[in-house]
C-alpha atoms as a PDB file:
ATOM      1  CA  MET A   1      23.038  32.750 -20.603  1.00  0.00           C
ATOM      2  CA  LYS A   2      22.957  36.440 -19.815  1.00  0.00           C
ATOM      3  CA  PHE A   3      24.427  37.392 -16.445  1.00  0.00           C
ATOM      4  CA  VAL A   4      22.069  39.508 -14.330  1.00  0.00           C
ATOM      5  CA  ASP A   5      23.016  40.312 -10.741  1.00  0.00           C
ATOM      6  CA  TYR A   6      20.617  43.113  -9.744  1.00  0.00           C
ATOM      7  CA  VAL A   7      16.847  43.313 -10.182  1.00  0.00           C
ATOM      8  CA  THR A   8      13.849  44.956  -8.512  1.00  0.00           C
ATOM      9  CA  ILE A   9      10.532  43.130  -8.238  1.00  0.00           C
ATOM     10  CA  TYR A  10       7.117  43.642  -6.651  1.00  0.00           C
ATOM     11  CA  ALA A  11       5.773  40.739  -4.583  1.00  0.00           C
ATOM     12  CA  LYS A  12       2.508  40.284  -2.738  1.00  0.00           C
ATOM     13  CA  ALA A  13       1.492  37.485  -0.384  1.00  0.00           C
ATOM     14  CA  GLY A  14      -2.031  36.095  -0.581  1.00  0.00           C
ATOM     15  CA  HIS A  15      -5.038  37.490   1.287  1.00  0.00           C
ATOM     16  CA  GLY A  16      -6.674  35.371   3.950  1.00  0.00           C
ATOM     17  CA  GLY A  17     -10.079  33.942   3.029  1.00  0.00           C
ATOM     18  CA  ARG A  18     -13.154  35.445   4.653  1.00  0.00           C
ATOM     19  CA  GLY A  19     -15.089  33.631   7.315  1.00  0.00           C
ATOM     20  CA  CYS A  20     -18.540  32.250   6.527  1.00  0.00           C
ATOM     21  CA  VAL A  21     -21.915  33.176   8.006  1.00  0.00           C
ATOM     22  CA  SER A  22     -24.001  30.017   7.942  1.00  0.00           C
ATOM     23  CA  PHE A  23     -26.647  28.223  10.050  1.00  0.00           C
ATOM     24  CA  ARG A  24     -27.622  24.601  10.199  1.00  0.00           C
ATOM     25  CA  ARG A  25     -30.625  23.788   8.053  1.00  0.00           C
ATOM     26  CA  GLU A  26     -31.451  20.185   8.911  1.00  0.00           C
ATOM     27  CA  LYS A  27     -34.720  18.284   9.100  1.00  0.00           C
ATOM     28  CA  TYR A  28     -36.077  17.748  12.616  1.00  0.00           C
ATOM     29  CA  ILE A  29     -33.610  20.340  14.064  1.00  0.00           C
ATOM     30  CA  PRO A  30     -35.756  23.475  14.274  1.00  0.00           C
ATOM     31  CA  TRP A  31     -33.178  25.593  16.076  1.00  0.00           C
ATOM     32  CA  GLY A  32     -30.055  25.012  14.009  1.00  0.00           C
ATOM     33  CA  GLY A  33     -27.020  26.867  15.305  1.00  0.00           C
ATOM     34  CA  PRO A  34     -24.211  28.704  13.464  1.00  0.00           C
ATOM     35  CA  ASN A  35     -21.833  26.512  11.470  1.00  0.00           C
ATOM     36  CA  GLY A  36     -19.832  28.952   9.342  1.00  0.00           C
ATOM     37  CA  GLY A  37     -16.180  27.891   8.951  1.00  0.00           C
ATOM     38  CA  ASP A  38     -13.011  30.003   9.061  1.00  0.00           C
ATOM     39  CA  GLY A  39     -11.194  31.271   5.990  1.00  0.00           C
ATOM     40  CA  GLY A  40      -7.824  29.817   4.990  1.00  0.00           C
ATOM     41  CA  TYR A  41      -4.441  31.536   5.279  1.00  0.00           C
ATOM     42  CA  GLY A  42      -3.058  33.342   2.253  1.00  0.00           C
ATOM     43  CA  GLY A  43       0.075  31.934   0.620  1.00  0.00           C
ATOM     44  CA  ASN A  44       3.511  33.232   1.676  1.00  0.00           C
ATOM     45  CA  ILE A  45       6.226  34.588  -0.623  1.00  0.00           C
ATOM     46  CA  VAL A  46       9.222  32.301  -0.063  1.00  0.00           C
ATOM     47  CA  PHE A  47      12.728  32.597  -1.533  1.00  0.00           C
ATOM     48  CA  LYS A  48      14.892  29.500  -1.956  1.00  0.00           C
ATOM     49  CA  ALA A  49      18.630  29.409  -2.747  1.00  0.00           C
ATOM     50  CA  ASP A  50      19.474  27.063  -5.621  1.00  0.00           C
ATOM     51  CA  SER A  51      23.081  26.208  -6.470  1.00  0.00           C
ATOM     52  CA  GLN A  52      22.020  25.286 -10.028  1.00  0.00           C
ATOM     53  CA  LEU A  53      21.313  28.956 -10.758  1.00  0.00           C
ATOM     54  CA  ASN A  54      23.989  31.590 -11.365  1.00  0.00           C
ATOM     55  CA  THR A  55      21.985  34.592 -12.558  1.00  0.00           C
ATOM     56  CA  LEU A  56      18.847  36.563 -11.672  1.00  0.00           C
ATOM     57  CA  LEU A  57      17.771  36.561 -15.319  1.00  0.00           C
ATOM     58  CA  ASP A  58      14.402  34.891 -14.585  1.00  0.00           C
ATOM     59  CA  HIS A  59      13.411  37.833 -12.403  1.00  0.00           C
ATOM     60  CA  LYS A  60      14.566  40.542 -14.811  1.00  0.00           C
ATOM     61  CA  TYR A  61      11.612  40.178 -17.157  1.00  0.00           C
ATOM     62  CA  ARG A  62       8.932  39.080 -14.724  1.00  0.00           C
ATOM     63  CA  LYS A  63       8.543  41.944 -12.274  1.00  0.00           C
ATOM     64  CA  HIS A  64       5.341  41.058 -10.399  1.00  0.00           C
ATOM     65  CA  TYR A  65       4.677  38.029  -8.219  1.00  0.00           C
ATOM     66  CA  ALA A  66       1.554  37.242  -6.216  1.00  0.00           C
ATOM     67  CA  ALA A  67       0.813  34.234  -4.026  1.00  0.00           C
ATOM     68  CA  LYS A  68      -2.703  32.782  -4.087  1.00  0.00           C
ATOM     69  CA  ASN A  69      -5.346  33.829  -1.606  1.00  0.00           C
ATOM     70  CA  GLY A  70      -6.755  31.557   1.050  1.00  0.00           C
ATOM     71  CA  GLY A  71     -10.094  29.876   0.427  1.00  0.00           C
ATOM     72  CA  HIS A  72     -13.252  31.274   2.003  1.00  0.00           C
ATOM     73  CA  GLY A  73     -14.931  29.477   4.869  1.00  0.00           C
ATOM     74  CA  MET A  74     -18.057  27.429   4.144  1.00  0.00           C
ATOM     75  CA  GLY A  75     -21.070  26.078   5.916  1.00  0.00           C
ATOM     76  CA  LYS A  76     -21.073  22.858   7.916  1.00  0.00           C
ATOM     77  CA  ASP A  77     -17.992  24.133   9.793  1.00  0.00           C
ATOM     78  CA  MET A  78     -15.775  23.681   6.733  1.00  0.00           C
ATOM     79  CA  HIS A  79     -12.652  25.820   6.780  1.00  0.00           C
ATOM     80  CA  GLY A  80     -11.255  27.390   3.639  1.00  0.00           C
ATOM     81  CA  LYS A  81      -8.125  25.916   2.087  1.00  0.00           C
ATOM     82  CA  ASP A  82      -4.811  27.621   2.851  1.00  0.00           C
ATOM     83  CA  GLY A  83      -3.232  29.325  -0.168  1.00  0.00           C
ATOM     84  CA  PRO A  84      -0.053  27.569  -1.403  1.00  0.00           C
ATOM     85  CA  ASN A  85       3.265  29.324  -0.850  1.00  0.00           C
ATOM     86  CA  LEU A  86       4.883  30.916  -3.887  1.00  0.00           C
ATOM     87  CA  VAL A  87       8.518  29.740  -3.899  1.00  0.00           C
ATOM     88  CA  LEU A  88      10.941  31.863  -5.930  1.00  0.00           C
ATOM     89  CA  LYS A  89      14.319  30.280  -6.669  1.00  0.00           C
ATOM     90  CA  VAL A  90      17.421  32.476  -6.711  1.00  0.00           C
ATOM     91  CA  PRO A  91      21.171  31.785  -6.910  1.00  0.00           C
ATOM     92  CA  VAL A  92      23.155  31.082  -3.759  1.00  0.00           C
ATOM     93  CA  GLY A  93      24.578  34.407  -2.560  1.00  0.00           C
ATOM     94  CA  THR A  94      21.455  36.473  -3.250  1.00  0.00           C
ATOM     95  CA  VAL A  95      20.729  39.323  -0.850  1.00  0.00           C
ATOM     96  CA  ILE A  96      17.091  40.413  -0.536  1.00  0.00           C
ATOM     97  CA  LYS A  97      16.371  43.998   0.518  1.00  0.00           C
ATOM     98  CA  ASP A  98      13.315  46.158   1.045  1.00  0.00           C
ATOM     99  CA  GLN A  99      13.577  48.799  -1.672  1.00  0.00           C
ATOM    100  CA  THR A 100      11.846  51.447   0.442  1.00  0.00           C
ATOM    101  CA  THR A 101      14.044  51.152   3.541  1.00  0.00           C
ATOM    102  CA  ASP A 102      17.130  49.509   1.967  1.00  0.00           C
ATOM    103  CA  GLN A 103      17.039  47.077   4.892  1.00  0.00           C
ATOM    104  CA  VAL A 104      18.449  43.597   4.313  1.00  0.00           C
ATOM    105  CA  ILE A 105      15.681  41.048   4.839  1.00  0.00           C
ATOM    106  CA  ALA A 106      17.623  37.878   4.022  1.00  0.00           C
ATOM    107  CA  ASP A 107      21.031  36.748   2.803  1.00  0.00           C
ATOM    108  CA  LEU A 108      20.822  33.328   1.152  1.00  0.00           C
ATOM    109  CA  THR A 109      24.358  31.981   1.438  1.00  0.00           C
ATOM    110  CA  GLU A 110      23.629  28.225   1.587  1.00  0.00           C
ATOM    111  CA  ASP A 111      22.171  25.905  -1.030  1.00  0.00           C
ATOM    112  CA  GLY A 112      18.591  24.852  -0.303  1.00  0.00           C
ATOM    113  CA  ILE A 113      17.892  27.430   2.389  1.00  0.00           C
ATOM    114  CA  GLU A 114      14.330  28.809   2.339  1.00  0.00           C
ATOM    115  CA  VAL A 115      13.181  32.089   3.886  1.00  0.00           C
ATOM    116  CA  VAL A 116       9.646  33.462   4.177  1.00  0.00           C
ATOM    117  CA  ILE A 117       9.954  37.073   3.004  1.00  0.00           C
ATOM    118  CA  LEU A 118       6.287  38.138   2.908  1.00  0.00           C
ATOM    119  CA  ARG A 119       3.582  36.437   4.991  1.00  0.00           C
ATOM    120  CA  GLY A 120       0.098  35.721   3.778  1.00  0.00           C
ATOM    121  CA  GLY A 121      -2.923  37.150   5.557  1.00  0.00           C
ATOM    122  CA  ARG A 122      -4.717  35.235   8.286  1.00  0.00           C
ATOM    123  CA  GLY A 123      -8.119  33.822   7.400  1.00  0.00           C
ATOM    124  CA  GLY A 124     -11.213  35.427   8.928  1.00  0.00           C
ATOM    125  CA  LYS A 125     -13.194  33.577  11.579  1.00  0.00           C
ATOM    126  CA  GLY A 126     -16.615  32.201  10.676  1.00  0.00           C
ATOM    127  CA  ASN A 127     -19.725  32.848  12.744  1.00  0.00           C
ATOM    128  CA  ALA A 128     -19.432  29.448  14.439  1.00  0.00           C
ATOM    129  CA  HIS A 129     -16.340  30.813  16.165  1.00  0.00           C
ATOM    130  CA  PHE A 130     -18.363  33.492  17.985  1.00  0.00           C
ATOM    131  CA  LYS A 131     -21.099  31.251  19.368  1.00  0.00           C
ATOM    132  CA  SER A 132     -21.476  31.268  23.153  1.00  0.00           C
ATOM    133  CA  SER A 133     -24.075  30.450  25.775  1.00  0.00           C
ATOM    134  CA  THR A 134     -25.203  34.062  25.786  1.00  0.00           C
ATOM    135  CA  PHE A 135     -24.801  34.721  22.066  1.00  0.00           C
ATOM    136  CA  GLN A 136     -26.191  31.736  20.245  1.00  0.00           C
ATOM    137  CA  SER A 137     -26.865  33.174  16.781  1.00  0.00           C
ATOM    138  CA  PRO A 138     -24.022  35.433  15.622  1.00  0.00           C
ATOM    139  CA  LYS A 139     -24.861  36.732  12.162  1.00  0.00           C
ATOM    140  CA  PHE A 140     -21.409  38.034  11.254  1.00  0.00           C
ATOM    141  CA  ALA A 141     -17.946  36.751  10.366  1.00  0.00           C
ATOM    142  CA  GLN A 142     -14.516  38.273   9.934  1.00  0.00           C
ATOM    143  CA  PRO A 143     -12.979  39.246   6.599  1.00  0.00           C
ATOM    144  CA  GLY A 144      -9.576  37.805   5.814  1.00  0.00           C
ATOM    145  CA  GLU A 145      -6.444  39.851   6.496  1.00  0.00           C
ATOM    146  CA  GLU A 146      -4.444  41.264   3.616  1.00  0.00           C
ATOM    147  CA  GLY A 147      -1.119  39.667   2.772  1.00  0.00           C
ATOM    148  CA  GLN A 148       2.129  41.587   3.050  1.00  0.00           C
ATOM    149  CA  GLU A 149       3.462  43.300  -0.064  1.00  0.00           C
ATOM    150  CA  ALA A 150       6.690  45.088  -0.932  1.00  0.00           C
ATOM    151  CA  PHE A 151       9.055  46.189  -3.655  1.00  0.00           C
ATOM    152  CA  LEU A 152      12.121  44.003  -3.228  1.00  0.00           C
ATOM    153  CA  VAL A 153      15.689  44.387  -4.442  1.00  0.00           C
ATOM    154  CA  LEU A 154      17.470  41.145  -5.352  1.00  0.00           C
ATOM    155  CA  GLU A 155      21.236  41.564  -5.383  1.00  0.00           C
ATOM    156  CA  LEU A 156      23.509  38.658  -6.299  1.00  0.00           C
ATOM    157  CA  LYS A 157      26.943  38.530  -4.676  1.00  0.00           C
ATOM    158  CA  LEU A 158      29.042  35.628  -5.891  1.00  0.00           C
ATOM    159  CA  LEU A 159      30.567  33.503  -3.145  1.00  0.00           C
ATOM    160  CA  ALA A 160      34.307  33.362  -3.800  1.00  0.00           C
ATOM    161  CA  ASP A 161      37.402  33.036  -1.631  1.00  0.00           C
ATOM    162  CA  VAL A 162      39.571  35.331  -3.756  1.00  0.00           C
ATOM    163  CA  GLY A 163      38.712  38.352  -5.882  1.00  0.00           C
ATOM    164  CA  LEU A 164      40.838  39.531  -8.816  1.00  0.00           C
ATOM    165  CA  ILE A 165      40.876  43.304  -9.191  1.00  0.00           C
ATOM    166  CA  GLY A 166      42.836  45.775 -11.281  1.00  0.00           C
ATOM    167  CA  MET A 167      42.675  47.990 -14.315  1.00  0.00           C
ATOM    168  CA  PRO A 168      41.590  46.646 -17.718  1.00  0.00           C
ATOM    169  CA  ASN A 169      44.108  44.335 -19.419  1.00  0.00           C
ATOM    170  CA  ALA A 170      46.041  43.720 -16.204  1.00  0.00           C
ATOM    171  CA  GLY A 171      45.879  39.975 -16.873  1.00  0.00           C
ATOM    172  CA  LYS A 172      43.024  38.966 -14.542  1.00  0.00           C
ATOM    173  CA  SER A 173      41.200  36.729 -17.023  1.00  0.00           C
ATOM    174  CA  THR A 174      44.455  35.192 -18.218  1.00  0.00           C
ATOM    175  CA  LEU A 175      45.442  34.321 -14.659  1.00  0.00           C
ATOM    176  CA  LEU A 176      42.007  32.823 -13.958  1.00  0.00           C
ATOM    177  CA  ALA A 177      42.226  30.666 -17.098  1.00  0.00           C
ATOM    178  CA  THR A 178      45.744  29.548 -16.107  1.00  0.00           C
ATOM    179  CA  ILE A 179      45.006  28.471 -12.535  1.00  0.00           C
ATOM    180  CA  SER A 180      41.481  27.064 -13.004  1.00  0.00           C
ATOM    181  CA  SER A 181      39.288  25.357 -15.573  1.00  0.00           C
ATOM    182  CA  ALA A 182      37.338  28.564 -16.221  1.00  0.00           C
ATOM    183  CA  LYS A 183      37.318  29.820 -19.808  1.00  0.00           C
ATOM    184  CA  PRO A 184      36.835  33.600 -19.663  1.00  0.00           C
ATOM    185  CA  LYS A 185      36.996  35.681 -22.825  1.00  0.00           C
ATOM    186  CA  ILE A 186      40.530  37.013 -23.336  1.00  0.00           C
ATOM    187  CA  ALA A 187      41.530  39.714 -25.837  1.00  0.00           C
ATOM    188  CA  ASP A 188      43.882  42.695 -26.111  1.00  0.00           C
ATOM    189  CA  TYR A 189      41.265  45.434 -25.843  1.00  0.00           C
ATOM    190  CA  PRO A 190      39.841  47.196 -22.776  1.00  0.00           C
ATOM    191  CA  PHE A 191      36.901  45.686 -20.908  1.00  0.00           C
ATOM    192  CA  THR A 192      37.198  42.208 -22.360  1.00  0.00           C
ATOM    193  CA  THR A 193      35.582  40.994 -19.134  1.00  0.00           C
ATOM    194  CA  LEU A 194      32.046  42.368 -19.079  1.00  0.00           C
ATOM    195  CA  VAL A 195      30.683  40.182 -16.267  1.00  0.00           C
ATOM    196  CA  PRO A 196      32.345  38.442 -13.297  1.00  0.00           C
ATOM    197  CA  ASN A 197      33.799  35.003 -14.008  1.00  0.00           C
ATOM    198  CA  LEU A 198      34.169  32.313 -11.375  1.00  0.00           C
ATOM    199  CA  GLY A 199      36.807  29.567 -11.308  1.00  0.00           C
ATOM    200  CA  VAL A 200      37.852  26.802  -8.932  1.00  0.00           C
ATOM    201  CA  VAL A 201      41.545  26.245  -8.190  1.00  0.00           C
ATOM    202  CA  LYS A 202      42.330  22.665  -7.162  1.00  0.00           C
ATOM    203  CA  MET A 203      45.430  21.963  -5.111  1.00  0.00           C
ATOM    204  CA  ASP A 204      47.530  18.779  -4.955  1.00  0.00           C
ATOM    205  CA  ASN A 205      46.473  18.152  -1.340  1.00  0.00           C
ATOM    206  CA  TYR A 206      42.798  17.822  -2.454  1.00  0.00           C
ATOM    207  CA  THR A 207      41.878  21.271  -1.168  1.00  0.00           C
ATOM    208  CA  SER A 208      40.451  23.972  -3.416  1.00  0.00           C
ATOM    209  CA  PHE A 209      39.426  27.613  -3.443  1.00  0.00           C
ATOM    210  CA  THR A 210      37.261  29.768  -5.678  1.00  0.00           C
ATOM    211  CA  VAL A 211      38.399  32.871  -7.565  1.00  0.00           C
ATOM    212  CA  ALA A 212      36.198  35.642  -8.992  1.00  0.00           C
ATOM    213  CA  ASP A 213      37.478  37.730 -11.912  1.00  0.00           C
ATOM    214  CA  ILE A 214      35.961  41.229 -11.614  1.00  0.00           C
ATOM    215  CA  PRO A 215      35.707  43.538 -14.681  1.00  0.00           C
ATOM    216  CA  GLY A 216      38.439  46.175 -14.872  1.00  0.00           C
ATOM    217  CA  ILE A 217      38.315  49.309 -12.741  1.00  0.00           C
ATOM    218  CA  ILE A 218      39.461  52.667 -14.059  1.00  0.00           C
ATOM    219  CA  GLU A 219      39.804  56.091 -12.498  1.00  0.00           C
ATOM    220  CA  ASN A 220      36.457  57.787 -11.710  1.00  0.00           C
ATOM    221  CA  ALA A 221      34.654  54.450 -11.875  1.00  0.00           C
ATOM    222  CA  HIS A 222      32.732  55.477  -8.758  1.00  0.00           C
ATOM    223  CA  ILE A 223      30.937  58.152 -10.818  1.00  0.00           C
ATOM    224  CA  GLY A 224      30.252  55.863 -13.773  1.00  0.00           C
ATOM    225  CA  ALA A 225      33.441  55.855 -15.857  1.00  0.00           C
ATOM    226  CA  GLY A 226      34.057  52.632 -17.726  1.00  0.00           C
ATOM    227  CA  LEU A 227      31.861  49.846 -16.439  1.00  0.00           C
ATOM    228  CA  GLY A 228      31.557  51.609 -13.083  1.00  0.00           C
ATOM    229  CA  LEU A 229      31.760  49.670  -9.841  1.00  0.00           C
ATOM    230  CA  GLN A 230      28.491  47.767 -10.177  1.00  0.00           C
ATOM    231  CA  PHE A 231      30.282  44.415 -10.170  1.00  0.00           C
ATOM    232  CA  LEU A 232      32.405  45.032  -7.085  1.00  0.00           C
ATOM    233  CA  ARG A 233      29.608  43.672  -4.888  1.00  0.00           C
ATOM    234  CA  HIS A 234      30.937  40.258  -5.911  1.00  0.00           C
ATOM    235  CA  ALA A 235      34.257  41.006  -4.225  1.00  0.00           C
ATOM    236  CA  GLU A 236      32.660  42.029  -0.913  1.00  0.00           C
ATOM    237  CA  ARG A 237      32.323  38.413   0.265  1.00  0.00           C
ATOM    238  CA  THR A 238      35.888  37.400  -0.561  1.00  0.00           C
ATOM    239  CA  PHE A 239      38.516  36.756   2.093  1.00  0.00           C
ATOM    240  CA  LEU A 240      41.354  38.076  -0.043  1.00  0.00           C
ATOM    241  CA  LEU A 241      41.929  40.413  -2.989  1.00  0.00           C
ATOM    242  CA  LEU A 242      44.594  39.892  -5.622  1.00  0.00           C
ATOM    243  CA  HIS A 243      45.479  43.278  -7.088  1.00  0.00           C
ATOM    244  CA  LEU A 244      46.934  42.638 -10.553  1.00  0.00           C
ATOM    245  CA  LEU A 245      49.270  45.214 -12.108  1.00  0.00           C
ATOM    246  CA  ASP A 246      50.848  45.089 -15.563  1.00  0.00           C
ATOM    247  CA  VAL A 247      54.634  45.643 -15.309  1.00  0.00           C
ATOM    248  CA  SER A 248      55.468  44.933 -18.957  1.00  0.00           C
ATOM    249  CA  ASP A 249      57.662  47.342 -20.897  1.00  0.00           C
ATOM    250  CA  ASP A 250      54.833  48.076 -23.369  1.00  0.00           C
ATOM    251  CA  LEU A 251      52.512  49.831 -20.940  1.00  0.00           C
ATOM    252  CA  GLU A 252      52.831  53.533 -20.215  1.00  0.00           C
ATOM    253  CA  VAL A 253      50.725  53.499 -17.025  1.00  0.00           C
ATOM    254  CA  ASP A 254      52.845  53.565 -13.887  1.00  0.00           C
ATOM    255  CA  PRO A 255      51.993  50.464 -11.782  1.00  0.00           C
ATOM    256  CA  VAL A 256      52.325  52.330  -8.464  1.00  0.00           C
ATOM    257  CA  ASP A 257      49.998  55.032  -9.724  1.00  0.00           C
ATOM    258  CA  ALA A 258      47.542  52.354 -10.932  1.00  0.00           C
ATOM    259  CA  LEU A 259      47.669  50.655  -7.526  1.00  0.00           C
ATOM    260  CA  ILE A 260      46.925  53.879  -5.659  1.00  0.00           C
ATOM    261  CA  LYS A 261      44.121  54.955  -8.023  1.00  0.00           C
ATOM    262  CA  THR A 262      42.365  51.575  -7.958  1.00  0.00           C
ATOM    263  CA  ASN A 263      42.498  51.391  -4.169  1.00  0.00           C
ATOM    264  CA  LYS A 264      41.067  54.896  -4.015  1.00  0.00           C
ATOM    265  CA  GLU A 265      38.127  53.767  -6.159  1.00  0.00           C
ATOM    266  CA  LEU A 266      37.606  50.790  -3.829  1.00  0.00           C
ATOM    267  CA  SER A 267      37.519  53.003  -0.743  1.00  0.00           C
ATOM    268  CA  MET A 268      34.970  55.296  -2.421  1.00  0.00           C
ATOM    269  CA  TYR A 269      32.784  52.303  -3.203  1.00  0.00           C
ATOM    270  CA  SER A 270      32.944  50.398   0.071  1.00  0.00           C
ATOM    271  CA  PRO A 271      34.928  50.587   3.339  1.00  0.00           C
ATOM    272  CA  ILE A 272      34.532  46.795   3.534  1.00  0.00           C
ATOM    273  CA  LEU A 273      36.455  46.312   0.300  1.00  0.00           C
ATOM    274  CA  ALA A 274      39.052  48.914   1.197  1.00  0.00           C
ATOM    275  CA  GLY A 275      39.785  47.056   4.431  1.00  0.00           C
ATOM    276  CA  LYS A 276      40.280  43.602   2.886  1.00  0.00           C
ATOM    277  CA  ASP A 277      43.704  41.957   2.792  1.00  0.00           C
ATOM    278  CA  GLN A 278      45.470  42.411  -0.529  1.00  0.00           C
ATOM    279  CA  ILE A 279      48.266  40.703  -2.370  1.00  0.00           C
ATOM    280  CA  VAL A 280      49.820  42.694  -5.196  1.00  0.00           C
ATOM    281  CA  VAL A 281      50.527  40.566  -8.259  1.00  0.00           C
ATOM    282  CA  ALA A 282      52.876  41.960 -10.908  1.00  0.00           C
ATOM    283  CA  THR A 283      51.835  40.394 -14.225  1.00  0.00           C
ATOM    284  CA  LYS A 284      53.329  39.868 -17.696  1.00  0.00           C
ATOM    285  CA  LEU A 285      56.786  39.260 -16.281  1.00  0.00           C
ATOM    286  CA  ASP A 286      57.787  37.518 -19.534  1.00  0.00           C
ATOM    287  CA  ILE A 287      57.727  40.874 -21.399  1.00  0.00           C
ATOM    288  CA  ALA A 288      59.134  43.026 -18.590  1.00  0.00           C
ATOM    289  CA  PHE A 289      62.658  42.936 -20.030  1.00  0.00           C
ATOM    290  CA  GLN A 290      63.998  46.136 -18.481  1.00  0.00           C
ATOM    291  CA  GLY A 291      62.361  45.533 -15.118  1.00  0.00           C
ATOM    292  CA  ARG A 292      62.269  49.204 -14.099  1.00  0.00           C
ATOM    293  CA  ARG A 293      58.516  49.209 -13.519  1.00  0.00           C
ATOM    294  CA  LEU A 294      58.702  46.044 -11.429  1.00  0.00           C
ATOM    295  CA  GLU A 295      61.495  47.450  -9.265  1.00  0.00           C
ATOM    296  CA  LYS A 296      59.518  50.623  -8.613  1.00  0.00           C
ATOM    297  CA  LEU A 297      56.492  48.540  -7.613  1.00  0.00           C
ATOM    298  CA  LYS A 298      58.640  46.374  -5.312  1.00  0.00           C
ATOM    299  CA  GLU A 299      60.015  49.449  -3.579  1.00  0.00           C
ATOM    300  CA  HIS A 300      56.491  50.794  -2.977  1.00  0.00           C
ATOM    301  CA  CYS A 301      55.227  47.451  -1.627  1.00  0.00           C
ATOM    302  CA  VAL A 302      58.180  47.069   0.761  1.00  0.00           C
ATOM    303  CA  GLN A 303      57.664  50.600   2.117  1.00  0.00           C
ATOM    304  CA  ASN A 304      53.944  49.909   2.699  1.00  0.00           C
ATOM    305  CA  ASN A 305      54.323  46.303   3.891  1.00  0.00           C
ATOM    306  CA  ILE A 306      52.256  44.869   1.015  1.00  0.00           C
ATOM    307  CA  PRO A 307      52.908  41.263  -0.123  1.00  0.00           C
ATOM    308  CA  LEU A 308      54.100  41.143  -3.736  1.00  0.00           C
ATOM    309  CA  PHE A 309      54.338  38.273  -6.216  1.00  0.00           C
ATOM    310  CA  ALA A 310      55.650  38.595  -9.769  1.00  0.00           C
ATOM    311  CA  ILE A 311      54.203  36.155 -12.306  1.00  0.00           C
ATOM    312  CA  SER A 312      53.881  35.336 -15.957  1.00  0.00           C
ATOM    313  CA  ALA A 313      50.726  33.463 -16.952  1.00  0.00           C
ATOM    314  CA  ALA A 314      52.293  32.742 -20.354  1.00  0.00           C
ATOM    315  CA  SER A 315      55.425  31.026 -19.017  1.00  0.00           C
ATOM    316  CA  LYS A 316      53.836  29.937 -15.665  1.00  0.00           C
ATOM    317  CA  GLU A 317      56.670  31.676 -13.799  1.00  0.00           C
ATOM    318  CA  GLY A 318      55.712  32.379 -10.175  1.00  0.00           C
ATOM    319  CA  ILE A 319      52.247  30.809 -10.517  1.00  0.00           C
ATOM    320  CA  ASN A 320      52.825  27.851  -8.186  1.00  0.00           C
ATOM    321  CA  GLN A 321      54.314  30.054  -5.471  1.00  0.00           C
ATOM    322  CA  LEU A 322      51.337  32.425  -5.695  1.00  0.00           C
ATOM    323  CA  ILE A 323      48.571  29.810  -5.443  1.00  0.00           C
ATOM    324  CA  SER A 324      50.438  27.960  -2.692  1.00  0.00           C
ATOM    325  CA  HIS A 325      50.645  31.175  -0.654  1.00  0.00           C
ATOM    326  CA  ILE A 326      46.946  31.887  -1.257  1.00  0.00           C
ATOM    327  CA  SER A 327      45.964  28.371  -0.211  1.00  0.00           C
ATOM    328  CA  THR A 328      47.947  28.675   3.016  1.00  0.00           C
ATOM    329  CA  LEU A 329      46.346  32.028   3.874  1.00  0.00           C
ATOM    330  CA  LEU A 330      42.834  30.716   3.207  1.00  0.00           C
ATOM    331  CA  GLN A 331      43.415  27.624   5.347  1.00  0.00           C
ATOM    332  CA  GLU A 332      44.466  29.884   8.211  1.00  0.00           C
ATOM    333  CA  VAL A 333      41.322  31.974   7.732  1.00  0.00           C
ATOM    334  CA  ARG A 334      39.080  28.896   7.681  1.00  0.00           C
ATOM    335  CA  VAL A 335      40.703  27.418  10.772  1.00  0.00           C
ATOM    336  CA  GLY A 336      40.269  30.739  12.560  1.00  0.00           C
ATOM    337  CA  LYS A 337      36.594  30.885  11.605  1.00  0.00           C
ATOM    338  CA  ALA A 338      36.052  27.304  12.762  1.00  0.00           C
ATOM    339  CA  LEU A 339      37.635  28.035  16.142  1.00  0.00           C
ATOM    340  CA  HIS A 340      35.371  31.045  16.682  1.00  0.00           C
ATOM    341  CA  SER A 341      32.170  29.380  15.468  1.00  0.00           C
END
């Protein structure tokens, strides 16, 4: 299934039905009064979060949605039928914005939650509604109100505890495959990861946490280089970022320089991301025979008070220590959130 995390749609709620102008026409009742019923309400546009969905693909090719109008009022004081709501299902983590104002209307972060985004129009009142002792034969009724309409932006942000960031081929997908049951595509060419991958890490104490593998970031990504930063929205919800850096002898890129450049791209994209806690993870330790690059990275991290773990996904060296440390940090975060809720 194709991964789609950003779409724009047009949606329109239903119009209210018009009220009815009607008078009683019954045998032996020569002065029949007004009996026109009210129109029904137009249907609402409702969004529902569904944990069974993981992409906005359904909304990529269908761009227009319209709820049904309310029924018109009828004689004999019969009201028009309300228009049914149009319920649009989206993945959990979808943010809905007004395209014109860029204002967030709803953030669907829980499975099953439903939010009315656009309200249907109110039905018009029939002439029976306007009858009074001084105005016994009203010959008019109200039209129904128009339903709300808008161009909406649907933006999916995966819900994950930990985000994996770094330059291409830093070992993000390999680490995700090692610590979870996820099966991301892994190869020795740039931009193997074209879409975010999500994995669940299960601990021995029956706890777990989720990890999102974000496609590689290169210099000038904020102006469109490489894959750009369009997938970094998925890291905005994470509690923690793992910044992976290749310290193998084969690579010519200096890991400290890569760390600084990637963090600069993050700050240009979002102050929220730039302010998140980071753990630096030196990867491919099994082929870092000389160790000069690792030592330089260690020195930089000590000077800047940045936690550093050195691992090898191939030999599993340092993996258990890393995930244990992550689990402990996340438990502290969750306890802190529970105490303040």
